Amino acid sequence: MDQLTAKLKKLEKQNYKAYQQIKGKHSFEDFDLYIDHVQGDPYASASRIRAVRPWAPTGLLWLREKSNTYQIAARDFITRTFAEYAKHDSAISIAVTGQTVLDHTSVLFTEEGIELRFRVNLPAEGRNILAKKALNLLTFHLPKMVRKSTLERELDIPALKHHCEVIEDQESLRSQLEQNNLVAFVANGAVLPRFAGNQDIAMKDAVAFTSPDSLEIEMSTPNRGLIKGMGIKKGVTLIVGGGFHGKSTLLNAIERSIYNHIPGDGREFVVANSDAMKIKAEDGRCVHKLNLSNYINNLPMGKDTSCFSTQDASGSTSQAAWLQESLEVGTSTLLIDEDTSATNFLIRDERMQALVSKGEEPITPLVDSIDHLRDEQGVSTIIVMGGSGDYLDVADTVIQMHDYQALDITDKAKQVILQHPNKRQNESGAQLTQFKPRKLNTTSLQSILAEGKFRVTAKGVDSLRFGKEYVDLTALEQLESSSEVNGIGWLWFLLVQQQNNAGDLSAEITKLVEGNLFQLLPPHGDLAKPRPIDVLAALNRLRKAKFI
């Protein structure tokens, strides 16, 4: 600390770039401070700083004996504690992941101790250094935050343990889905509606969820014990009901339940398969050498769909592409909302079949292939459907949402099928063809990076800058945090280090994610492990990527 103090005292009123002199390691009494990156000017991204505190003085070494899930939750709790202290000083910030708990780099547990990674906006007046203010910030306020966030007697230990146990219980529930033949579970008492479209907290006075008796299942957890709720079985599940009764709200809760949620979120005990993918129509997206022949064929001018590419896909083509891309990387569950889908990809009714013959229609609607996905490829689908009863013929379970409560109307749906037989023709073939996954030419990524000065930066959750290219991720609604987007970009960076043609992309990315990923990445505090399926979904939207 003395060295840092001495350096700062000499910088008063100097040009801002003189702050570069404080880079490096500075030893405090009970932790080490690493100033890794100093911003170039007062208006640039804040400086990157780390604090490493040895285990001995913290009293938290017992956390190292806990499960990996428990430790991820504990790191998240410490991050949120530090963030609360940082609210009192706008110059200091740490990356927090909203209502979810992700495997994140803002706080790490290492052999050396607890490492906190955060940003500091070094103070200035115009472009001149305010050294006295910086000295007060870095040697007085910041050390207090570091110590209070990593000291057992300063932390709310009952809250820490509850936080970790809730996350551990969610992970336990998710691990039991397969053995119970489920793709998702919604606990009784869960609060699914959100406060607002731009606020992910639970809606006050919302109707708590209650499972229909016929779908209720009981599962055990290591901390909370037995939990009852609605089990959504493998197969084809329809969510139906009138407008404003909670159909999309239920689906939205399921699509977010690929993550674990913090206590008080309302969705703490709602879980889904971690590889569940929501697909939708996405006009204008790119498609790279994808075999779409299971869903689109006989295009005008004889254009081939077995190796299809475009930089401007239509709604139906984009949704078909997203479905095939998801199958390519091994998703077990597809999530679809009628409201955000291409109608002609979902259904062609009897009258439209009579008007436009199959020979004149390139698209095979999903209603005719969804049972093939289930029976031949073991892929389940949960679909919100309010406008087409044709899906009743292929549904295994039908859930009606009424006043935000779920009703099992599967038997009623079967009666409707008998009373109102469907006369439309099935337009699919005998079975779906399974295709070999594509490979990535990593040279294309190398050139994009090099031309863009090797920049990898998230722009919220909607955009990723990779080299000189900006990738539109708006459609990937399951992305939770800009830290995940940063993680995606840096995973691509690691792929660049591979040979020219990456092999099994999904396997390679999964190996990186599940390995010592954080040791391979720069020491940034705003990185989170993304799902491999999202890494590949984003890569499919990189317009200059080259697949083979």
Protein backbone atom coordinates (compact mmCIF):
# COMPACT_ATOMS: atom_id res chain seq x y z
CA MET A 1 0.00 0.00 0.00
CA ASP A 2 2.86 2.37 0.77
CA GLN A 3 4.16 2.05 -2.78
CA LEU A 4 0.71 2.83 -4.22
CA THR A 5 0.36 5.80 -1.89
CA ALA A 6 3.73 7.19 -2.87
CA LYS A 7 3.01 6.86 -6.58
CA LEU A 8 -0.40 8.49 -6.36
CA LYS A 9 0.89 11.47 -4.38
CA LYS A 10 3.18 12.33 -7.28
CA LEU A 11 0.36 12.27 -9.84
CA GLU A 12 -1.81 15.15 -8.62
CA LYS A 13 -2.98 17.29 -11.57
CA GLN A 14 -0.89 15.35 -14.08
CA ASN A 15 -2.32 14.22 -17.41
CA TYR A 16 -4.72 11.30 -17.02
CA LYS A 17 -2.42 8.90 -18.87
CA ALA A 18 0.02 9.13 -15.95
CA TYR A 19 -2.34 6.80 -14.05
CA GLN A 20 -0.61 4.01 -16.02
CA GLN A 21 2.18 4.23 -13.44
CA ILE A 22 0.04 2.54 -10.78
CA LYS A 23 -0.47 -0.66 -12.77
CA GLY A 24 0.72 -3.85 -11.13
CA LYS A 25 0.60 -5.55 -7.74
CA HIS A 26 0.23 -3.63 -4.48
CA SER A 27 0.39 -5.41 -1.11
CA PHE A 28 -1.98 -4.36 1.66
CA GLU A 29 -1.87 -5.72 5.20
CA ASP A 30 -4.25 -8.62 4.57
CA PHE A 31 -4.79 -8.75 0.79
CA ASP A 32 -3.07 -8.00 -2.51
CA LEU A 33 -4.44 -5.49 -4.98
CA TYR A 34 -3.79 -6.02 -8.69
CA ILE A 35 -4.38 -3.12 -11.05
CA ASP A 36 -4.51 -5.01 -14.35
CA HIS A 37 -5.77 -2.37 -16.73
CA VAL A 38 -5.89 1.40 -16.39
CA GLN A 39 -8.40 3.24 -18.54
CA GLY A 40 -6.91 5.53 -21.18
CA ASP A 41 -9.04 8.54 -20.27
CA PRO A 42 -11.86 9.47 -17.85
CA TYR A 43 -14.52 8.58 -20.41
CA ALA A 44 -13.20 5.12 -21.34
CA SER A 45 -14.35 1.86 -19.75
CA ALA A 46 -13.42 1.78 -16.08
CA SER A 47 -10.11 0.28 -14.95
CA ARG A 48 -9.95 -3.45 -14.18
CA ILE A 49 -8.79 -4.26 -10.65
CA ARG A 50 -8.56 -7.45 -8.57
CA ALA A 51 -8.19 -8.08 -4.85
CA VAL A 52 -6.92 -11.44 -3.57
CA ARG A 53 -7.47 -12.09 0.12
CA PRO A 54 -5.90 -15.22 1.71
CA TRP A 55 -8.30 -17.71 3.28
CA ALA A 56 -6.86 -17.53 6.80
CA PRO A 57 -8.16 -14.11 7.91
CA THR A 58 -11.59 -14.53 6.25
CA GLY A 59 -12.95 -17.38 8.40
CA LEU A 60 -14.60 -18.75 5.23
CA LEU A 61 -12.33 -21.68 4.46
CA TRP A 62 -15.26 -24.02 5.27
CA LEU A 63 -16.79 -23.03 1.94
CA ARG A 64 -14.05 -24.97 0.16
CA GLU A 65 -15.48 -28.19 1.58
CA LYS A 66 -18.90 -27.61 0.04
CA SER A 67 -20.21 -28.85 -3.32
CA ASN A 68 -19.33 -27.03 -6.51
CA THR A 69 -22.93 -25.76 -6.78
CA TYR A 70 -22.78 -24.45 -3.20
CA GLN A 71 -19.49 -22.67 -3.93
CA ILE A 72 -20.88 -21.03 -7.09
CA ALA A 73 -23.79 -19.74 -5.00
CA ALA A 74 -21.44 -18.52 -2.25
CA ARG A 75 -19.34 -16.63 -4.80
CA ASP A 76 -22.56 -15.08 -6.11
CA PHE A 77 -23.58 -14.04 -2.59
CA ILE A 78 -20.22 -12.36 -1.98
CA THR A 79 -20.54 -10.58 -5.33
CA ARG A 80 -23.95 -9.21 -4.38
CA THR A 81 -22.65 -8.18 -0.95
CA PHE A 82 -19.77 -6.25 -2.54
CA ALA A 83 -22.22 -4.68 -5.01
CA GLU A 84 -24.35 -3.41 -2.10
CA TYR A 85 -21.32 -1.69 -0.57
CA ALA A 86 -20.33 -0.31 -3.98
CA LYS A 87 -23.71 1.42 -4.32
CA HIS A 88 -22.38 4.06 -1.94
CA ASP A 89 -19.51 4.91 -4.31
CA SER A 90 -20.39 5.25 -7.97
CA ALA A 91 -16.76 4.92 -8.99
CA ILE A 92 -16.63 1.22 -8.01
CA SER A 93 -18.69 -1.51 -9.67
CA ILE A 94 -18.83 -5.29 -9.89
CA ALA A 95 -20.74 -7.43 -12.40
CA VAL A 96 -23.94 -8.97 -10.99
CA THR A 97 -26.12 -11.45 -12.91
CA GLY A 98 -29.64 -10.22 -12.15
CA GLN A 99 -32.04 -12.72 -10.64
CA THR A 100 -29.96 -15.72 -11.62
CA VAL A 101 -26.86 -17.40 -10.23
CA LEU A 102 -24.24 -18.13 -12.88
CA ASP A 103 -20.73 -19.54 -12.71
CA HIS A 104 -19.10 -16.12 -12.86
CA THR A 105 -15.66 -14.51 -12.59
CA SER A 106 -16.61 -11.55 -10.38
CA VAL A 107 -15.58 -13.64 -7.35
CA LEU A 108 -13.40 -16.75 -7.53
CA PHE A 109 -12.27 -19.22 -4.89
CA THR A 110 -8.63 -20.16 -5.55
CA GLU A 111 -5.90 -21.97 -3.66
CA GLU A 112 -4.54 -18.56 -2.66
CA GLY A 113 -7.81 -17.23 -1.32
CA ILE A 114 -10.91 -15.27 -2.33
CA GLU A 115 -10.39 -13.20 -5.46
CA LEU A 116 -12.69 -10.26 -6.22
CA ARG A 117 -12.68 -8.70 -9.68
CA PHE A 118 -14.25 -5.31 -10.21
CA ARG A 119 -13.92 -1.99 -12.01
CA VAL A 120 -12.91 1.41 -10.71
CA ASN A 121 -13.41 4.72 -12.48
CA LEU A 122 -10.23 6.56 -11.54
CA PRO A 123 -11.14 10.17 -10.62
CA ALA A 124 -10.25 13.16 -12.73
CA GLU A 125 -11.05 16.80 -13.32
CA GLY A 126 -11.31 17.15 -17.05
CA ARG A 127 -8.31 15.12 -18.16
CA ASN A 128 -6.23 15.85 -15.08
CA ILE A 129 -5.67 13.33 -12.31
CA LEU A 130 -7.31 13.88 -8.92
CA ALA A 131 -4.69 11.93 -6.98
CA LYS A 132 -5.95 12.77 -3.49
CA LYS A 133 -9.40 11.50 -4.36
CA ALA A 134 -7.91 8.38 -5.97
CA LEU A 135 -5.80 7.80 -2.87
CA ASN A 136 -8.88 7.97 -0.65
CA LEU A 137 -10.76 5.66 -2.99
CA LEU A 138 -8.09 2.99 -3.41
CA THR A 139 -6.52 2.94 0.05
CA PHE A 140 -9.49 3.70 2.32
CA HIS A 141 -12.95 3.01 0.84
CA LEU A 142 -12.03 0.08 -1.41
CA PRO A 143 -10.14 -1.91 1.27
CA LYS A 144 -13.13 -1.61 3.59
CA MET A 145 -15.40 -3.07 0.89
CA VAL A 146 -12.98 -5.92 0.20
CA ARG A 147 -12.63 -6.80 3.88
CA LYS A 148 -16.31 -6.57 4.78
CA SER A 149 -17.30 -8.69 1.74
CA THR A 150 -14.87 -11.47 2.60
CA LEU A 151 -14.98 -11.64 6.40
CA GLU A 152 -17.23 -14.21 8.07
CA ARG A 153 -18.18 -12.00 11.01
CA GLU A 154 -19.18 -9.16 8.67
CA LEU A 155 -21.33 -11.33 6.38
CA ASP A 156 -24.91 -12.37 7.08
CA ILE A 157 -24.01 -16.06 7.40
CA PRO A 158 -27.63 -17.35 7.80
CA ALA A 159 -28.54 -15.48 4.60
CA LEU A 160 -25.42 -16.83 2.87
CA LYS A 161 -26.29 -20.40 3.82
CA HIS A 162 -29.93 -19.97 2.77
CA HIS A 163 -28.82 -18.48 -0.56
CA CYS A 164 -26.52 -21.43 -1.22
CA GLU A 165 -29.00 -24.07 -0.08
CA VAL A 166 -31.75 -22.72 -2.33
CA ILE A 167 -29.39 -22.93 -5.32
CA GLU A 168 -28.25 -26.41 -4.31
CA ASP A 169 -31.88 -27.55 -4.09
CA GLN A 170 -32.65 -26.23 -7.58
CA GLU A 171 -29.70 -28.10 -9.01
CA SER A 172 -30.91 -31.23 -7.23
CA LEU A 173 -34.39 -30.87 -8.74
CA ARG A 174 -32.95 -30.43 -12.22
CA SER A 175 -30.82 -33.55 -11.82
CA GLN A 176 -33.98 -35.57 -11.05
CA LEU A 177 -35.89 -34.60 -14.20
CA GLU A 178 -34.51 -37.42 -16.34
CA GLN A 179 -35.22 -40.19 -13.84
CA ASN A 180 -38.80 -38.94 -13.51
CA ASN A 181 -39.27 -38.77 -17.31
CA LEU A 182 -39.72 -34.98 -17.12
CA VAL A 183 -38.42 -32.00 -19.07
CA ALA A 184 -39.52 -29.37 -16.54
CA PHE A 185 -40.92 -28.95 -13.03
CA VAL A 186 -42.93 -26.04 -11.61
CA ALA A 187 -43.23 -26.04 -7.82
CA ASN A 188 -46.47 -25.30 -6.03
CA GLY A 189 -46.34 -21.78 -4.63
CA ALA A 190 -44.06 -20.47 -7.38
CA VAL A 191 -44.68 -16.87 -8.48
CA LEU A 192 -44.32 -16.78 -12.27
CA PRO A 193 -45.51 -13.30 -13.39
CA ARG A 194 -42.84 -10.57 -13.49
CA PHE A 195 -43.23 -7.04 -12.20
CA ALA A 196 -42.73 -5.45 -15.64
CA GLY A 197 -41.29 -6.20 -19.05
CA ASN A 198 -38.05 -4.48 -18.08
CA GLN A 199 -37.96 -5.67 -14.45
CA ASP A 200 -37.39 -9.33 -13.75
CA ILE A 201 -38.48 -9.30 -10.11
CA ALA A 202 -41.65 -11.09 -9.01
CA MET A 203 -44.98 -9.32 -9.42
CA LYS A 204 -46.51 -8.28 -6.11
CA ASP A 205 -49.79 -9.97 -5.16
CA ALA A 206 -49.50 -12.36 -8.12
CA VAL A 207 -51.42 -15.64 -8.09
CA ALA A 208 -49.14 -18.41 -6.81
CA PHE A 209 -48.88 -21.50 -8.98
CA THR A 210 -50.69 -24.72 -8.07
CA SER A 211 -50.28 -27.97 -9.97
CA PRO A 212 -53.25 -29.96 -11.26
CA ASP A 213 -53.57 -33.14 -9.20
CA SER A 214 -53.06 -35.35 -12.26
CA LEU A 215 -49.68 -33.76 -13.05
CA GLU A 216 -48.46 -33.30 -9.49
CA ILE A 217 -45.21 -34.98 -8.54
CA GLU A 218 -43.12 -34.91 -5.39
CA MET A 219 -39.34 -34.66 -5.46
CA SER A 220 -36.80 -34.50 -2.67
CA THR A 221 -34.11 -31.86 -2.12
CA PRO A 222 -31.07 -31.96 0.20
CA ASN A 223 -32.06 -28.86 2.19
CA ARG A 224 -35.75 -28.05 1.81
CA GLY A 225 -36.87 -31.68 1.79
CA LEU A 226 -39.88 -32.77 -0.27
CA ILE A 227 -41.25 -30.32 -2.84
CA LYS A 228 -44.51 -30.84 -4.76
CA GLY A 229 -45.33 -29.31 -8.08
CA MET A 230 -46.28 -29.87 -11.71
CA GLY A 231 -44.10 -32.23 -13.69
CA ILE A 232 -44.07 -31.66 -17.45
CA LYS A 233 -43.44 -35.01 -19.05
CA LYS A 234 -41.30 -35.78 -22.06
CA GLY A 235 -43.15 -35.64 -25.37
CA VAL A 236 -45.33 -32.94 -26.89
CA THR A 237 -46.94 -30.58 -24.39
CA LEU A 238 -49.44 -27.93 -25.43
CA ILE A 239 -50.12 -24.89 -23.26
CA VAL A 240 -53.51 -23.49 -24.27
CA GLY A 241 -56.07 -21.05 -22.94
CA GLY A 242 -57.58 -17.65 -23.52
CA GLY A 243 -55.59 -14.46 -23.89
CA PHE A 244 -54.17 -12.90 -20.71
CA HIS A 245 -54.59 -16.12 -18.68
CA GLY A 246 -50.88 -16.90 -18.33
CA LYS A 247 -49.85 -19.16 -21.24
CA SER A 248 -46.74 -17.21 -22.21
CA THR A 249 -46.03 -16.46 -18.55
CA LEU A 250 -45.72 -20.18 -17.86
CA LEU A 251 -43.52 -20.74 -20.91
CA ASN A 252 -41.33 -17.74 -20.00
CA ALA A 253 -40.81 -19.16 -16.52
CA ILE A 254 -39.82 -22.51 -18.00
CA GLU A 255 -37.41 -20.97 -20.52
CA ARG A 256 -35.66 -19.01 -17.73
CA SER A 257 -35.53 -22.06 -15.45
CA ILE A 258 -32.52 -23.41 -17.31
CA TYR A 259 -30.81 -21.19 -14.67
CA ASN A 260 -30.94 -21.22 -10.89
CA HIS A 261 -32.70 -18.23 -9.30
CA ILE A 262 -31.92 -16.32 -6.13
CA PRO A 263 -34.16 -16.59 -3.03
CA GLY A 264 -37.22 -14.35 -3.31
CA ASP A 265 -37.35 -14.48 -7.11
CA GLY A 266 -40.52 -16.60 -7.07
CA ARG A 267 -39.09 -19.13 -9.54
CA GLU A 268 -36.59 -20.70 -7.12
CA PHE A 269 -38.05 -24.16 -7.56
CA VAL A 270 -38.94 -24.02 -11.25
CA VAL A 271 -36.43 -26.04 -13.26
CA ALA A 272 -36.03 -27.25 -16.82
CA ASN A 273 -33.50 -29.25 -18.78
CA SER A 274 -30.37 -27.12 -19.03
CA ASP A 275 -30.25 -27.61 -22.82
CA ALA A 276 -33.85 -26.52 -23.46
CA MET A 277 -33.88 -24.06 -26.36
CA LYS A 278 -36.57 -21.54 -27.24
CA ILE A 279 -36.84 -21.02 -30.99
CA LYS A 280 -38.75 -18.33 -32.86
CA ALA A 281 -39.05 -16.61 -36.22
CA GLU A 282 -36.15 -14.25 -36.92
CA ASP A 283 -36.54 -12.34 -40.16
CA GLY A 284 -33.29 -11.29 -41.80
CA ARG A 285 -30.88 -13.59 -39.97
CA CYS A 286 -28.10 -15.49 -41.72
CA VAL A 287 -28.02 -19.26 -42.28
CA HIS A 288 -24.77 -21.13 -43.02
CA LYS A 289 -24.72 -24.32 -45.12
CA LEU A 290 -27.53 -26.00 -43.21
CA ASN A 291 -29.54 -29.02 -44.32
CA LEU A 292 -33.17 -27.91 -44.08
CA SER A 293 -34.65 -30.61 -46.30
CA ASN A 294 -36.71 -32.12 -43.47
CA TYR A 295 -38.71 -28.88 -43.29
CA ILE A 296 -38.20 -26.98 -46.55
CA ASN A 297 -37.98 -28.45 -50.04
CA ASN A 298 -38.80 -27.80 -53.68
CA LEU A 299 -37.87 -24.13 -53.64
CA PRO A 300 -38.52 -22.04 -56.78
CA MET A 301 -35.76 -22.12 -59.41
CA GLY A 302 -34.67 -25.51 -58.04
CA LYS A 303 -32.64 -24.05 -55.18
CA ASP A 304 -31.16 -26.80 -53.03
CA THR A 305 -32.06 -26.91 -49.32
CA SER A 306 -29.65 -29.70 -48.35
CA CYS A 307 -26.83 -27.16 -48.04
CA PHE A 308 -28.76 -23.94 -47.59
CA SER A 309 -27.21 -20.52 -47.01
CA THR A 310 -28.67 -17.03 -46.93
CA GLN A 311 -27.95 -13.64 -45.41
CA ASP A 312 -31.65 -12.72 -45.27
CA ALA A 313 -33.82 -15.59 -44.09
CA SER A 314 -37.61 -15.29 -43.98
CA GLY A 315 -39.51 -15.94 -40.76
CA SER A 316 -40.35 -19.57 -41.61
CA THR A 317 -36.86 -20.34 -42.95
CA SER A 318 -35.20 -18.79 -39.91
CA GLN A 319 -37.32 -20.83 -37.50
CA ALA A 320 -36.68 -24.03 -39.44
CA ALA A 321 -32.98 -23.22 -39.39
CA TRP A 322 -33.03 -22.61 -35.63
CA LEU A 323 -34.79 -25.93 -35.08
CA GLN A 324 -32.23 -27.81 -37.17
CA GLU A 325 -29.30 -26.00 -35.51
CA SER A 326 -30.68 -26.97 -32.10
CA LEU A 327 -30.93 -30.61 -33.15
CA GLU A 328 -27.42 -30.43 -34.51
CA VAL A 329 -26.05 -29.60 -31.05
CA GLY A 330 -28.21 -32.12 -29.22
CA THR A 331 -31.01 -30.20 -27.54
CA SER A 332 -33.48 -32.38 -25.65
CA THR A 333 -36.31 -29.85 -25.42
CA LEU A 334 -37.72 -27.22 -27.78
CA LEU A 335 -39.76 -24.29 -26.45
CA ILE A 336 -42.09 -22.48 -28.86
CA ASP A 337 -44.58 -19.65 -28.47
CA GLU A 338 -47.17 -19.24 -31.22
CA ASP A 339 -46.98 -15.45 -30.82
CA THR A 340 -43.32 -15.27 -31.89
CA SER A 341 -43.43 -17.99 -34.54
CA ALA A 342 -43.94 -18.00 -38.29
CA THR A 343 -47.52 -19.18 -38.84
CA ASN A 344 -46.72 -21.04 -42.06
CA PHE A 345 -43.95 -22.95 -40.29
CA LEU A 346 -46.34 -24.07 -37.55
CA ILE A 347 -49.42 -25.07 -39.54
CA ARG A 348 -51.22 -25.39 -42.90
CA ASP A 349 -54.90 -26.01 -42.33
CA GLU A 350 -57.26 -28.06 -44.47
CA ARG A 351 -58.55 -25.15 -46.52
CA MET A 352 -55.05 -23.84 -47.32
CA GLN A 353 -54.03 -27.36 -48.36
CA ALA A 354 -56.98 -27.43 -50.74
CA LEU A 355 -56.14 -24.00 -52.11
CA VAL A 356 -52.36 -24.45 -52.49
CA SER A 357 -51.27 -28.00 -53.23
CA LYS A 358 -48.35 -29.65 -51.46
CA GLY A 359 -46.33 -29.54 -54.67
CA GLU A 360 -46.58 -25.75 -54.65
CA GLU A 361 -45.68 -25.34 -50.96
CA PRO A 362 -41.99 -25.85 -50.01
CA ILE A 363 -42.59 -25.79 -46.24
CA THR A 364 -43.51 -28.89 -44.26
CA PRO A 365 -45.27 -27.48 -41.19
CA LEU A 366 -44.04 -28.40 -37.72
CA VAL A 367 -47.38 -30.00 -36.82
CA ASP A 368 -46.47 -32.82 -39.24
CA SER A 369 -42.93 -33.40 -37.94
CA ILE A 370 -43.26 -32.75 -34.22
CA ASP A 371 -44.17 -36.37 -33.49
CA HIS A 372 -41.17 -37.54 -35.54
CA LEU A 373 -38.93 -35.35 -33.39
CA ARG A 374 -40.39 -37.03 -30.32
CA ASP A 375 -40.43 -40.63 -31.54
CA GLU A 376 -37.30 -40.79 -33.70
CA GLN A 377 -34.95 -38.29 -32.10
CA GLY A 378 -36.19 -38.17 -28.50
CA VAL A 379 -36.78 -34.41 -28.61
CA SER A 380 -39.62 -33.02 -26.51
CA THR A 381 -41.55 -29.85 -27.34
CA ILE A 382 -43.45 -27.43 -25.13
CA ILE A 383 -45.55 -25.14 -27.29
CA VAL A 384 -47.95 -22.31 -26.46
CA MET A 385 -50.84 -22.65 -28.87
CA GLY A 386 -54.00 -20.57 -28.89
CA GLY A 387 -55.03 -20.55 -32.55
CA SER A 388 -54.76 -24.05 -33.99
CA GLY A 389 -56.47 -27.15 -32.70
CA ASP A 390 -54.54 -29.30 -35.20
CA TYR A 391 -51.80 -29.77 -32.62
CA LEU A 392 -54.23 -31.63 -30.36
CA ASP A 393 -53.75 -34.72 -32.56
CA VAL A 394 -50.04 -34.92 -31.72
CA ALA A 395 -50.08 -33.70 -28.11
CA ASP A 396 -49.24 -36.03 -25.23
CA THR A 397 -50.27 -33.49 -22.59
CA VAL A 398 -52.54 -30.46 -22.84
CA ILE A 399 -52.36 -27.83 -20.10
CA GLN A 400 -54.90 -25.03 -20.01
CA MET A 401 -53.99 -21.81 -18.23
CA HIS A 402 -57.02 -20.15 -16.63
CA ASP A 403 -56.61 -17.18 -14.28
CA TYR A 404 -52.91 -18.08 -14.02
CA GLN A 405 -53.73 -21.57 -12.80
CA ALA A 406 -52.91 -24.75 -14.70
CA LEU A 407 -55.56 -27.31 -15.59
CA ASP A 408 -54.83 -30.72 -17.10
CA ILE A 409 -57.32 -30.99 -19.98
CA THR A 410 -55.63 -33.84 -21.86
CA ASP A 411 -58.71 -36.07 -21.60
CA LYS A 412 -60.98 -33.23 -22.70
CA ALA A 413 -58.71 -32.64 -25.71
CA LYS A 414 -59.09 -36.30 -26.69
CA GLN A 415 -62.86 -35.90 -26.61
CA VAL A 416 -62.60 -32.82 -28.82
CA ILE A 417 -60.54 -34.83 -31.32
CA LEU A 418 -63.28 -37.49 -31.48
CA GLN A 419 -66.06 -34.94 -31.83
CA HIS A 420 -64.22 -32.78 -34.38
CA PRO A 421 -62.00 -35.08 -36.48
CA ASN A 422 -59.19 -33.43 -38.38
CA LYS A 423 -59.42 -33.68 -42.17
CA ARG A 424 -56.10 -32.05 -43.10
CA GLN A 425 -53.44 -34.16 -44.80
CA ASN A 426 -50.14 -34.96 -43.09
CA GLU A 427 -47.41 -33.51 -45.30
CA SER A 428 -44.32 -35.05 -43.75
CA GLY A 429 -42.36 -38.03 -45.05
CA ALA A 430 -42.12 -41.41 -43.42
CA GLN A 431 -39.41 -40.22 -41.03
CA LEU A 432 -36.96 -37.41 -40.46
CA THR A 433 -33.44 -37.71 -41.79
CA GLN A 434 -30.62 -37.17 -39.31
CA PHE A 435 -27.75 -35.11 -40.66
CA LYS A 436 -24.08 -34.99 -39.81
CA PRO A 437 -23.18 -31.83 -37.85
CA ARG A 438 -21.32 -29.13 -39.75
CA LYS A 439 -17.75 -28.13 -38.97
CA LEU A 440 -16.45 -24.61 -38.47
CA ASN A 441 -13.60 -23.17 -40.48
CA THR A 442 -11.81 -21.35 -37.65
CA THR A 443 -9.69 -19.38 -40.12
CA SER A 444 -12.77 -17.24 -40.76
CA LEU A 445 -12.82 -16.29 -37.08
CA GLN A 446 -9.10 -15.55 -37.08
CA SER A 447 -9.41 -13.02 -39.89
CA ILE A 448 -12.45 -11.35 -38.27
CA LEU A 449 -10.54 -10.97 -35.01
CA ALA A 450 -7.33 -9.72 -36.59
CA GLU A 451 -9.09 -7.09 -38.70
CA GLY A 452 -10.94 -5.85 -35.60
CA LYS A 453 -7.83 -5.60 -33.37
CA PHE A 454 -8.87 -8.67 -31.34
CA ARG A 455 -11.71 -6.92 -29.56
CA VAL A 456 -14.32 -9.02 -27.75
CA THR A 457 -17.04 -6.97 -26.06
CA ALA A 458 -20.67 -7.54 -25.10
CA LYS A 459 -23.17 -4.79 -25.74
CA GLY A 460 -25.70 -5.84 -23.14
CA VAL A 461 -27.33 -9.18 -23.97
CA ASP A 462 -28.38 -8.15 -27.46
CA SER A 463 -25.08 -7.71 -29.28
CA LEU A 464 -21.55 -9.06 -29.31
CA ARG A 465 -18.59 -7.35 -30.89
CA PHE A 466 -16.13 -9.94 -32.13
CA GLY A 467 -13.20 -8.34 -33.89
CA LYS A 468 -14.70 -6.03 -36.47
CA GLU A 469 -18.09 -7.76 -36.56
CA TYR A 470 -21.22 -7.09 -34.50
CA VAL A 471 -23.46 -10.11 -33.94
CA ASP A 472 -27.18 -9.49 -33.32
CA LEU A 473 -28.26 -11.71 -30.43
CA THR A 474 -31.66 -10.12 -29.83
CA ALA A 475 -33.53 -13.33 -30.65
CA LEU A 476 -31.61 -15.35 -28.04
CA GLU A 477 -34.07 -14.51 -25.30
CA GLN A 478 -32.63 -17.03 -22.84
CA LEU A 479 -29.37 -15.13 -22.46
CA GLU A 480 -29.46 -13.67 -18.98
CA SER A 481 -26.38 -11.49 -18.60
CA SER A 482 -23.86 -9.51 -20.65
CA SER A 483 -21.27 -11.60 -18.81
CA GLU A 484 -22.58 -14.67 -20.66
CA VAL A 485 -22.22 -12.79 -23.93
CA ASN A 486 -18.63 -11.89 -23.02
CA GLY A 487 -18.08 -15.57 -22.22
CA ILE A 488 -19.40 -16.55 -25.66
CA GLY A 489 -17.02 -14.14 -27.38
CA TRP A 490 -13.99 -15.38 -25.46
CA LEU A 491 -14.94 -19.00 -26.14
CA TRP A 492 -14.85 -18.16 -29.83
CA PHE A 493 -11.44 -16.63 -29.20
CA LEU A 494 -10.31 -20.00 -27.80
CA LEU A 495 -11.75 -21.79 -30.84
CA VAL A 496 -9.54 -19.63 -33.02
CA GLN A 497 -6.56 -21.33 -31.41
CA GLN A 498 -7.76 -24.68 -32.83
CA GLN A 499 -6.74 -26.10 -36.18
CA ASN A 500 -8.27 -24.67 -39.35
CA ASN A 501 -11.38 -26.84 -39.25
CA ALA A 502 -12.86 -27.44 -35.80
CA GLY A 503 -14.11 -31.00 -35.33
CA ASP A 504 -17.22 -31.76 -33.29
CA LEU A 505 -18.05 -28.18 -32.36
CA SER A 506 -20.51 -29.03 -29.64
CA ALA A 507 -18.10 -31.46 -27.98
CA GLU A 508 -15.17 -29.04 -28.20
CA ILE A 509 -17.16 -26.17 -26.69
CA THR A 510 -18.61 -28.38 -23.96
CA LYS A 511 -15.10 -29.53 -23.07
CA LEU A 512 -13.96 -25.92 -22.75
CA VAL A 513 -16.98 -24.87 -20.67
CA GLU A 514 -16.78 -27.83 -18.32
CA GLY A 515 -12.99 -27.67 -17.98
CA ASN A 516 -10.78 -24.99 -16.43
CA LEU A 517 -12.31 -22.30 -18.62
CA PHE A 518 -11.56 -19.34 -16.36
CA GLN A 519 -7.87 -20.22 -16.28
CA LEU A 520 -7.77 -19.94 -20.09
CA LEU A 521 -9.47 -16.52 -20.21
CA PRO A 522 -8.14 -13.07 -19.32
CA PRO A 523 -8.56 -12.04 -15.64
CA HIS A 524 -11.76 -10.08 -16.23
CA GLY A 525 -14.58 -9.90 -13.69
CA ASP A 526 -17.42 -9.78 -16.22
CA LEU A 527 -17.29 -13.29 -17.66
CA ALA A 528 -19.79 -16.08 -17.03
CA LYS A 529 -19.90 -19.62 -18.34
CA PRO A 530 -22.51 -19.76 -21.12
CA ARG A 531 -24.40 -22.85 -22.20
CA PRO A 532 -22.61 -24.61 -25.10
CA ILE A 533 -25.91 -24.50 -27.01
CA ASP A 534 -25.95 -20.68 -26.75
CA VAL A 535 -22.30 -20.43 -27.84
CA LEU A 536 -23.26 -22.25 -31.03
CA ALA A 537 -26.54 -20.38 -31.48
CA ALA A 538 -24.62 -17.10 -31.41
CA LEU A 539 -21.98 -18.48 -33.78
CA ASN A 540 -24.73 -19.34 -36.27
CA ARG A 541 -25.58 -15.63 -36.33
CA LEU A 542 -22.06 -14.44 -37.10
CA ARG A 543 -22.57 -13.39 -40.70
CA LYS A 544 -18.97 -13.95 -41.80
CA ALA A 545 -18.56 -17.35 -40.13
CA LYS A 546 -17.73 -20.16 -42.53
CA PHE A 547 -19.08 -23.67 -42.00
CA ILE A 548 -18.20 -26.76 -44.00
